[in-house]
C-alpha cells in the first residue's frame, strides 16, 4: 500500500520556521544564561564562562534548529523550546541570586 504525501499548509511551515528561529533563540538564550551562571558559580572566570557558554549555545542552536524542522510534532517543538528556555533562564536567575 503506497503512502500518500500530504503537503503542509503555509501556516504550518511558517510556524515551524518561527519555532526553529525564535524558539531556538529563546532556548539558546536560556542555555547561555544557565551555562554562564553555573560555570561562574563553579569558579570559572566570568569572561571564560561567558565565551564557553556562547560557543556551546551556538552548537546547540544548530541542533535545535534542525530538530525543530525535522520533528513530527510541532506542538512538542514549541513546548520543549519555550519551556526549556524558560526553565534554564529561571535556574540561571536562581543561581545568580545565590551568588550576590
Foldseek 3Di string as FASTA:
>chain_A
DDDDDDDDDPVVVVLLQCLLPVLLVLLLVLQLLLQQLVVVVVPDDNVVSNVVSVVVSVVSSVVLSVCSVPPDDVVVSNCCSNVNSVVSNVNSVVSVVVVD
